[in-house]
Amino acid sequence: MKNKRLGRIITFILAFTLLFTIVPVKSARAATLQEQLAELERQIEEYRNNSNKQSELAKALRKELYLIDQQISAVEEQIKALNNEIAEAQLRIETASESLEQAEADRIAYQEQLEKRITVMYMYGDTEYLEVLFGAQDFSDFISRATAIASIIEYDNLMAQKLKENEALIAEMRRQIEEQKDKLEALKASKTAQEKELASQKRSKDESLKKIQQTQAYWDALIKEEEKEAAAIRNQIASQSSNTNYANTYKTFIWPTPGYYSITSPFGYRIHPISHVRAFHGGIDIGAPKNARAVAVANGKVIFASWNGGYGNCIIIDLGKDSKGNSYAAVYGHLNGYASSVGDIVTQGQVIGYVGTTGLSTGYHLHFEIRINGTRVNPINYLTK
């Protein structure tokens, strides 16, 4: 009996607990649609910033790859020029070698001639020269013959010296050309190594670029999915918005910051002042001092008044629907404080909050949006001063 009674009690407690855990979930979900949308928009902005960062990285890498390609082309031209110089040096070496071979042949031929003369002189002494001298007809002829013999000997010596010098000159020229060729070969090897290093850098950066593009595609896919979910929530919110227009004509939206009309950042794409990447700006930024009044641009109901990620302190006013069934909402971001809370019915011109610089902000201003059916539109087209 006791066990049965205990079982009934446990069953009753579980059923009671289940009842009070299931019922509030639906109402809590309905009450947090704006928070869900705000979180999704925050995530979308974060993902978009991540995607833009990858885009900037890819852009920088493409510049580096372009410079590397330019360097590779320059090195290839240098290698081509070096190859031409090496070919010319090789040709000069071959020409010098031929000249050296000819000089060496001349030297050998003359050496053989000298050796023959020395042999004759050794065998016959100076008889031949003496016979030439003693065969003179007179003194004048003797002097002429002696001068001729001296010239022959001097010529022999001179030619031997010139051949020796020519051989040395050609050998030096060949050495210098060989040295120049070696330097050119070394320079070519250096340029070839440089080309390989640049090619390696290019491959590495190509791989990095591919990974960056894959990462960007990943963030873009997340953005696409989150935007689908955000659109669904916006439609859900729009369907839950009041069917009344709060006596609005939708042609009389007043300026949200009375007395302050300077637009510091317009609607549309811009370079984000904090992330420094190109991103869509879904509203207008109006420069105003700290705690300047932010007023309801039309009659409506406050449906959100809380922290909203990059928006900081944020208020969203449901402005109802127009005669065509389009749902309107006004968004106030970066507020310093609130003058209204969720559920308040506000009238046009009523102070709903105060200008600040909360969230992702670089200075005091109001970020203001108009949303039609959840889509952000340019507020300038709907506001009157």
Protein backbone atom coordinates (compact mmCIF):
# COMPACT_ATOMS: atom_id res chain seq x y z
CA MET A 1 0.00 0.00 0.00
CA LYS A 2 2.68 2.38 1.04
CA ASN A 3 4.60 1.76 -2.17
CA LYS A 4 1.48 2.39 -4.28
CA ARG A 5 0.70 5.58 -2.37
CA LEU A 6 4.33 6.71 -2.74
CA GLY A 7 4.16 5.97 -6.46
CA ARG A 8 1.00 8.07 -6.82
CA ILE A 9 2.61 10.96 -4.97
CA ILE A 10 5.71 10.83 -7.21
CA THR A 11 3.51 10.64 -10.31
CA PHE A 12 1.48 13.64 -9.10
CA ILE A 13 4.67 15.65 -8.37
CA LEU A 14 6.10 14.84 -11.82
CA ALA A 15 2.84 15.77 -13.53
CA PHE A 16 2.60 18.98 -11.51
CA THR A 17 6.23 19.87 -12.30
CA LEU A 18 5.75 19.04 -15.98
CA LEU A 19 2.65 21.23 -16.10
CA PHE A 20 4.54 24.25 -14.76
CA THR A 21 7.59 23.69 -16.93
CA ILE A 22 5.74 23.25 -20.21
CA VAL A 23 3.20 26.03 -19.93
CA PRO A 24 5.58 28.99 -19.36
CA VAL A 25 7.91 27.96 -22.24
CA LYS A 26 5.52 29.13 -24.95
CA SER A 27 4.80 32.45 -23.23
CA ALA A 28 8.49 32.96 -22.46
CA ARG A 29 9.31 32.32 -26.14
CA ALA A 30 6.64 34.80 -27.24
CA ALA A 31 7.94 37.36 -24.76
CA THR A 32 11.50 37.06 -26.02
CA LEU A 33 11.00 37.28 -29.79
CA GLN A 34 12.56 40.75 -29.80
CA GLU A 35 15.49 39.48 -27.73
CA GLN A 36 15.88 36.58 -30.15
CA LEU A 37 15.79 38.97 -33.10
CA ALA A 38 18.24 41.33 -31.38
CA GLU A 39 20.61 38.42 -30.67
CA LEU A 40 20.31 37.21 -34.26
CA GLU A 41 21.02 40.70 -35.59
CA ARG A 42 23.99 40.95 -33.25
CA GLN A 43 25.27 37.61 -34.51
CA ILE A 44 24.64 38.59 -38.13
CA GLU A 45 26.61 41.81 -37.58
CA GLU A 46 29.40 39.83 -35.91
CA TYR A 47 29.46 37.27 -38.73
CA ARG A 48 29.38 40.05 -41.32
CA ASN A 49 32.32 41.75 -39.60
CA ASN A 50 34.17 38.41 -39.60
CA SER A 51 33.36 37.95 -43.29
CA ASN A 52 34.52 41.49 -44.05
CA LYS A 53 37.76 40.90 -42.15
CA GLN A 54 38.39 37.80 -44.25
CA SER A 55 37.60 39.87 -47.34
CA GLU A 56 40.15 42.49 -46.25
CA LEU A 57 42.72 39.76 -45.58
CA ALA A 58 42.03 38.27 -49.02
CA LYS A 59 42.41 41.71 -50.59
CA ALA A 60 45.75 42.25 -48.81
CA LEU A 61 46.94 38.78 -49.85
CA ARG A 62 46.01 39.41 -53.47
CA LYS A 63 48.13 42.56 -53.36
CA GLU A 64 51.03 40.54 -51.93
CA LEU A 65 50.54 37.87 -54.59
CA TYR A 66 50.54 40.55 -57.29
CA LEU A 67 53.84 41.93 -55.93
CA ILE A 68 55.31 38.42 -55.75
CA ASP A 69 54.27 37.79 -59.35
CA GLN A 70 55.96 41.05 -60.32
CA GLN A 71 59.11 40.01 -58.44
CA ILE A 72 59.09 36.57 -60.06
CA SER A 73 58.75 38.16 -63.51
CA ALA A 74 61.63 40.54 -62.73
CA VAL A 75 63.83 37.66 -61.49
CA GLU A 76 62.97 35.60 -64.58
CA GLU A 77 64.04 38.52 -66.78
CA GLN A 78 67.27 38.83 -64.78
CA ILE A 79 67.95 35.10 -65.16
CA LYS A 80 67.27 35.39 -68.88
CA ALA A 81 69.72 38.30 -69.14
CA LEU A 82 72.31 36.35 -67.09
CA ASN A 83 71.92 33.35 -69.39
CA ASN A 84 72.66 35.63 -72.35
CA GLU A 85 75.71 37.08 -70.58
CA ILE A 86 76.92 33.59 -69.66
CA ALA A 87 76.52 32.49 -73.29
CA GLU A 88 78.48 35.54 -74.46
CA ALA A 89 81.17 34.89 -71.85
CA GLN A 90 81.37 31.27 -72.98
CA LEU A 91 81.78 32.45 -76.57
CA ARG A 92 84.57 34.84 -75.51
CA ILE A 93 86.23 32.00 -73.60
CA GLU A 94 86.08 29.80 -76.69
CA THR A 95 87.50 32.65 -78.83
CA ALA A 96 90.23 33.29 -76.26
CA SER A 97 90.97 29.57 -76.14
CA GLU A 98 91.35 29.49 -79.91
CA SER A 99 93.67 32.54 -79.75
CA LEU A 100 95.60 30.91 -76.95
CA GLU A 101 95.92 27.70 -78.94
CA GLN A 102 97.17 29.70 -81.96
CA ALA A 103 99.60 31.65 -79.78
CA GLU A 104 100.78 28.40 -78.27
CA ALA A 105 101.21 26.92 -81.77
CA ASP A 106 103.15 30.03 -82.90
CA ARG A 107 105.27 29.83 -79.78
CA ILE A 108 106.00 26.15 -80.37
CA ALA A 109 106.83 26.77 -84.06
CA TYR A 110 109.12 29.63 -83.20
CA GLN A 111 110.61 27.63 -80.36
CA GLU A 112 111.39 24.84 -82.81
CA GLN A 113 112.94 27.37 -85.16
CA LEU A 114 115.06 28.79 -82.37
CA GLU A 115 116.05 25.31 -81.25
CA LYS A 116 117.18 24.54 -84.80
CA ARG A 117 119.27 27.70 -84.88
CA ILE A 118 120.75 26.89 -81.49
CA THR A 119 121.58 23.37 -82.72
CA VAL A 120 123.28 24.75 -85.83
CA MET A 121 125.17 27.29 -83.75
CA TYR A 122 126.21 24.54 -81.36
CA MET A 123 127.38 22.29 -84.18
CA TYR A 124 129.04 24.98 -86.25
CA GLY A 125 129.57 27.68 -83.71
CA ASP A 126 129.37 31.13 -85.15
CA THR A 127 130.88 29.97 -88.51
CA GLU A 128 127.78 30.86 -90.46
CA TYR A 129 127.66 34.41 -89.09
CA LEU A 130 131.48 34.72 -89.50
CA GLU A 131 131.29 33.60 -93.13
CA VAL A 132 128.66 36.20 -93.74
CA LEU A 133 130.81 38.85 -92.14
CA PHE A 134 134.06 37.78 -93.86
CA GLY A 135 132.30 37.62 -97.18
CA ALA A 136 131.95 41.40 -97.07
CA GLN A 137 133.41 43.25 -100.10
CA ASP A 138 134.44 46.27 -98.12
CA PHE A 139 134.09 47.91 -94.75
CA SER A 140 130.78 49.44 -95.56
CA ASP A 141 129.46 46.04 -96.64
CA PHE A 142 130.87 44.55 -93.44
CA ILE A 143 128.98 47.11 -91.34
CA SER A 144 125.79 46.42 -93.27
CA ARG A 145 126.17 42.66 -92.80
CA ALA A 146 126.94 43.02 -89.07
CA THR A 147 123.91 45.28 -88.63
CA ALA A 148 121.73 42.77 -90.47
CA ILE A 149 122.94 39.89 -88.28
CA ALA A 150 122.33 41.96 -85.14
CA SER A 151 118.83 42.80 -86.42
CA ILE A 152 118.10 39.13 -87.01
CA ILE A 153 119.23 38.23 -83.51
CA GLU A 154 117.28 41.18 -82.04
CA TYR A 155 114.22 40.16 -84.08
CA ASP A 156 114.48 36.62 -82.79
CA ASN A 157 114.64 37.88 -79.24
CA LEU A 158 111.80 40.36 -79.81
CA MET A 159 109.55 37.78 -81.42
CA ALA A 160 110.22 35.31 -78.63
CA GLN A 161 109.34 38.00 -76.09
CA LYS A 162 106.20 39.06 -77.97
CA LEU A 163 105.04 35.49 -78.32
CA LYS A 164 105.59 35.01 -74.61
CA GLU A 165 103.72 38.22 -73.77
CA ASN A 166 100.91 37.39 -76.18
CA GLU A 167 100.55 33.97 -74.65
CA ALA A 168 100.46 35.47 -71.15
CA LEU A 169 97.94 38.13 -72.27
CA ILE A 170 95.61 35.56 -73.80
CA ALA A 171 95.94 33.34 -70.73
CA GLU A 172 95.07 36.31 -68.46
CA MET A 173 92.14 37.28 -70.66
CA ARG A 174 90.85 33.72 -70.54
CA ARG A 175 91.26 33.66 -66.75
CA GLN A 176 89.33 36.89 -66.40
CA ILE A 177 86.54 35.65 -68.67
CA GLU A 178 86.39 32.37 -66.75
CA GLU A 179 86.22 34.37 -63.52
CA GLN A 180 83.46 36.58 -64.96
CA LYS A 181 81.59 33.49 -66.10
CA ASP A 182 81.89 31.94 -62.64
CA LYS A 183 80.49 35.13 -61.10
CA LEU A 184 77.63 35.12 -63.58
CA GLU A 185 76.93 31.47 -62.82
CA ALA A 186 76.96 32.23 -59.08
CA LEU A 187 74.63 35.21 -59.62
CA LYS A 188 72.36 33.03 -61.73
CA ALA A 189 72.30 30.39 -58.99
CA SER A 190 71.39 33.12 -56.49
CA LYS A 191 68.60 34.42 -58.72
CA THR A 192 67.33 30.89 -59.32
CA ALA A 193 67.23 30.31 -55.55
CA GLN A 194 65.42 33.64 -55.17
CA GLU A 195 62.92 32.56 -57.83
CA LYS A 196 62.31 29.27 -56.00
CA GLU A 197 61.84 31.14 -52.71
CA LEU A 198 59.35 33.53 -54.31
CA ALA A 199 57.52 30.59 -55.89
CA SER A 200 57.39 28.93 -52.45
CA GLN A 201 56.01 32.15 -50.92
CA LYS A 202 53.43 32.34 -53.69
CA ARG A 203 52.31 28.75 -53.08
CA SER A 204 52.06 29.44 -49.35
CA LYS A 205 50.06 32.63 -49.88
CA ASP A 206 47.84 30.90 -52.44
CA GLU A 207 47.06 28.28 -49.79
CA SER A 208 46.39 31.04 -47.23
CA LEU A 209 44.12 32.82 -49.70
CA LYS A 210 42.21 29.59 -50.31
CA LYS A 211 41.74 29.09 -46.56
CA ILE A 212 40.64 32.72 -46.13
CA GLN A 213 38.12 32.34 -48.93
CA GLN A 214 36.83 29.13 -47.34
CA THR A 215 36.53 30.91 -43.98
CA GLN A 216 34.72 33.82 -45.61
CA ALA A 217 32.36 31.38 -47.33
CA TYR A 218 31.73 29.80 -43.93
CA TRP A 219 30.79 33.16 -42.36
CA ASP A 220 28.66 34.08 -45.39
CA ALA A 221 26.79 30.78 -45.10
CA LEU A 222 26.14 31.50 -41.40
CA ILE A 223 24.92 35.00 -42.29
CA LYS A 224 22.54 33.53 -44.86
CA GLU A 225 21.13 31.04 -42.35
CA GLU A 226 20.82 33.63 -39.57
CA GLU A 227 19.15 36.11 -41.93
CA LYS A 228 16.57 33.46 -42.86
CA GLU A 229 15.84 32.88 -39.18
CA ALA A 230 15.76 36.63 -38.48
CA ALA A 231 13.33 37.16 -41.36
CA ALA A 232 11.08 34.45 -39.94
CA ILE A 233 11.13 36.08 -36.49
CA ARG A 234 10.45 39.52 -38.01
CA ASN A 235 7.42 38.09 -39.79
CA GLN A 236 6.30 36.50 -36.55
CA ILE A 237 6.74 39.78 -34.69
CA ALA A 238 4.94 41.65 -37.46
CA SER A 239 2.05 39.21 -37.25
CA GLN A 240 1.85 39.79 -33.48
CA SER A 241 2.03 43.58 -33.74
CA SER A 242 -1.00 45.65 -32.95
CA ASN A 243 -3.62 45.88 -35.67
CA THR A 244 -4.19 49.51 -34.79
CA ASN A 245 -2.14 52.34 -36.27
CA TYR A 246 -2.11 54.23 -32.99
CA ALA A 247 -3.76 57.11 -34.89
CA ASN A 248 -0.63 57.46 -37.04
CA THR A 249 -0.82 58.69 -40.65
CA TYR A 250 2.72 57.43 -41.44
CA LYS A 251 3.42 60.77 -43.07
CA THR A 252 4.04 62.68 -39.86
CA PHE A 253 7.06 60.95 -38.25
CA ILE A 254 8.88 63.71 -36.39
CA TRP A 255 12.64 64.03 -35.85
CA PRO A 256 13.78 61.73 -32.97
CA THR A 257 16.22 64.23 -31.39
CA PRO A 258 14.59 67.68 -31.20
CA GLY A 259 17.14 70.45 -31.81
CA TYR A 260 19.86 68.10 -33.08
CA TYR A 261 19.84 67.39 -36.82
CA SER A 262 23.44 66.60 -37.74
CA ILE A 263 23.75 63.18 -39.40
CA THR A 264 27.19 61.82 -38.59
CA SER A 265 26.71 58.56 -40.49
CA PRO A 266 24.01 58.01 -43.14
CA PHE A 267 22.01 54.91 -44.09
CA GLY A 268 23.85 52.39 -46.29
CA TYR A 269 27.27 50.78 -46.61
CA ARG A 270 30.19 52.41 -44.82
CA ILE A 271 33.55 51.69 -43.20
CA HIS A 272 32.68 50.73 -39.65
CA PRO A 273 34.36 53.17 -37.20
CA ILE A 274 35.41 50.35 -34.83
CA SER A 275 35.99 47.24 -36.97
CA HIS A 276 37.30 49.35 -39.91
CA VAL A 277 35.66 47.05 -42.43
CA ARG A 278 32.94 47.81 -44.96
CA ALA A 279 29.54 46.94 -43.51
CA PHE A 280 25.88 47.86 -43.98
CA HIS A 281 24.58 50.62 -41.69
CA GLY A 282 20.86 50.01 -41.28
CA GLY A 283 19.97 53.41 -39.87
CA ILE A 284 21.22 56.95 -39.40
CA ASP A 285 23.50 58.30 -36.66
CA ILE A 286 22.44 61.68 -35.30
CA GLY A 287 25.08 63.63 -33.38
CA ALA A 288 23.78 64.90 -30.03
CA PRO A 289 25.22 65.51 -26.54
CA LYS A 290 24.96 63.13 -23.62
CA ASN A 291 21.41 62.80 -22.25
CA ALA A 292 19.85 64.80 -25.10
CA ARG A 293 16.15 63.85 -25.42
CA ALA A 294 15.13 61.00 -27.71
CA VAL A 295 11.42 61.18 -28.50
CA ALA A 296 8.82 58.91 -30.07
CA VAL A 297 8.61 59.75 -33.76
CA ALA A 298 4.95 58.65 -33.77
CA ASN A 299 2.37 57.08 -31.49
CA GLY A 300 3.12 53.50 -30.52
CA LYS A 301 3.89 50.85 -27.97
CA VAL A 302 7.30 50.09 -26.46
CA ILE A 303 7.99 46.43 -27.21
CA PHE A 304 11.70 46.33 -26.32
CA ALA A 305 13.75 48.30 -23.79
CA SER A 306 16.96 46.55 -22.88
CA TRP A 307 20.59 45.95 -23.80
CA ASN A 308 20.88 44.86 -27.44
CA GLY A 309 24.47 43.91 -28.27
CA GLY A 310 26.14 46.46 -30.53
CA TYR A 311 23.07 48.73 -30.17
CA GLY A 312 23.83 49.11 -26.46
CA ASN A 313 20.83 50.32 -24.50
CA CYS A 314 18.03 50.01 -27.05
CA ILE A 315 14.34 50.85 -27.36
CA ILE A 316 12.03 49.51 -30.06
CA ILE A 317 8.59 51.07 -30.54
CA ASP A 318 5.84 49.24 -32.41
CA LEU A 319 4.14 51.94 -34.51
CA GLY A 320 1.35 49.63 -35.67
CA LYS A 321 0.18 48.96 -39.21
CA ASP A 322 -0.84 51.20 -42.04
CA SER A 323 -3.98 50.82 -44.14
CA LYS A 324 -2.18 48.31 -46.39
CA GLY A 325 -1.21 46.10 -43.48
CA ASN A 326 2.48 47.08 -43.40
CA SER A 327 3.95 46.93 -39.91
CA TYR A 328 6.16 49.83 -38.75
CA ALA A 329 8.71 49.99 -35.94
CA ALA A 330 11.25 52.57 -34.72
CA VAL A 331 14.59 51.55 -33.19
CA TYR A 332 16.70 53.75 -30.90
CA GLY A 333 20.29 52.63 -30.18
CA HIS A 334 23.27 53.62 -27.94
CA LEU A 335 20.97 55.24 -25.34
CA ASN A 336 22.39 56.44 -22.05
CA GLY A 337 19.13 55.78 -20.20
CA TYR A 338 15.44 54.93 -20.51
CA ALA A 339 12.35 57.11 -19.99
CA SER A 340 9.97 54.30 -20.96
CA SER A 341 9.66 50.56 -20.52
CA VAL A 342 8.18 47.56 -22.31
CA GLY A 343 4.40 47.81 -22.60
CA ASP A 344 4.22 51.62 -22.39
CA ILE A 345 1.90 53.32 -24.86
CA VAL A 346 3.76 56.44 -26.03
CA THR A 347 2.61 59.42 -28.03
CA GLN A 348 4.41 61.34 -30.74
CA GLY A 349 7.01 63.69 -29.23
CA GLN A 350 7.08 61.91 -25.86
CA VAL A 351 10.56 61.43 -24.38
CA ILE A 352 11.32 57.71 -24.41
CA GLY A 353 15.07 57.76 -23.66
CA TYR A 354 18.32 59.75 -23.59
CA VAL A 355 21.23 59.94 -26.01
CA GLY A 356 24.37 58.06 -24.99
CA THR A 357 27.31 56.09 -26.37
CA THR A 358 26.61 52.54 -25.16
CA GLY A 359 27.34 49.40 -27.20
CA LEU A 360 29.59 49.64 -30.26
CA SER A 361 29.86 53.41 -30.34
CA THR A 362 32.68 55.94 -30.70
CA GLY A 363 30.89 59.00 -29.31
CA TYR A 364 27.59 60.43 -28.16
CA HIS A 365 24.89 60.01 -30.80
CA LEU A 366 21.56 58.32 -31.48
CA HIS A 367 21.42 55.39 -33.87
CA PHE A 368 17.91 55.49 -35.33
CA GLU A 369 16.12 53.02 -37.60
CA ILE A 370 12.74 52.67 -39.26
CA ARG A 371 11.67 49.09 -40.00
CA ILE A 372 8.78 48.17 -42.28
CA ASN A 373 7.70 44.55 -41.93
CA GLY A 374 11.02 43.96 -40.18
CA THR A 375 13.13 45.39 -43.04
CA ARG A 376 15.34 48.38 -42.32
CA VAL A 377 14.65 51.35 -44.61
CA ASN A 378 16.23 54.79 -44.90
CA PRO A 379 14.68 56.86 -42.07
CA ILE A 380 15.32 60.11 -43.96
CA ASN A 381 12.48 59.18 -46.32
CA TYR A 382 9.99 59.11 -43.41
CA LEU A 383 11.11 61.85 -41.01
CA THR A 384 10.15 65.53 -40.90
CA LYS A 385 11.97 68.16 -38.85
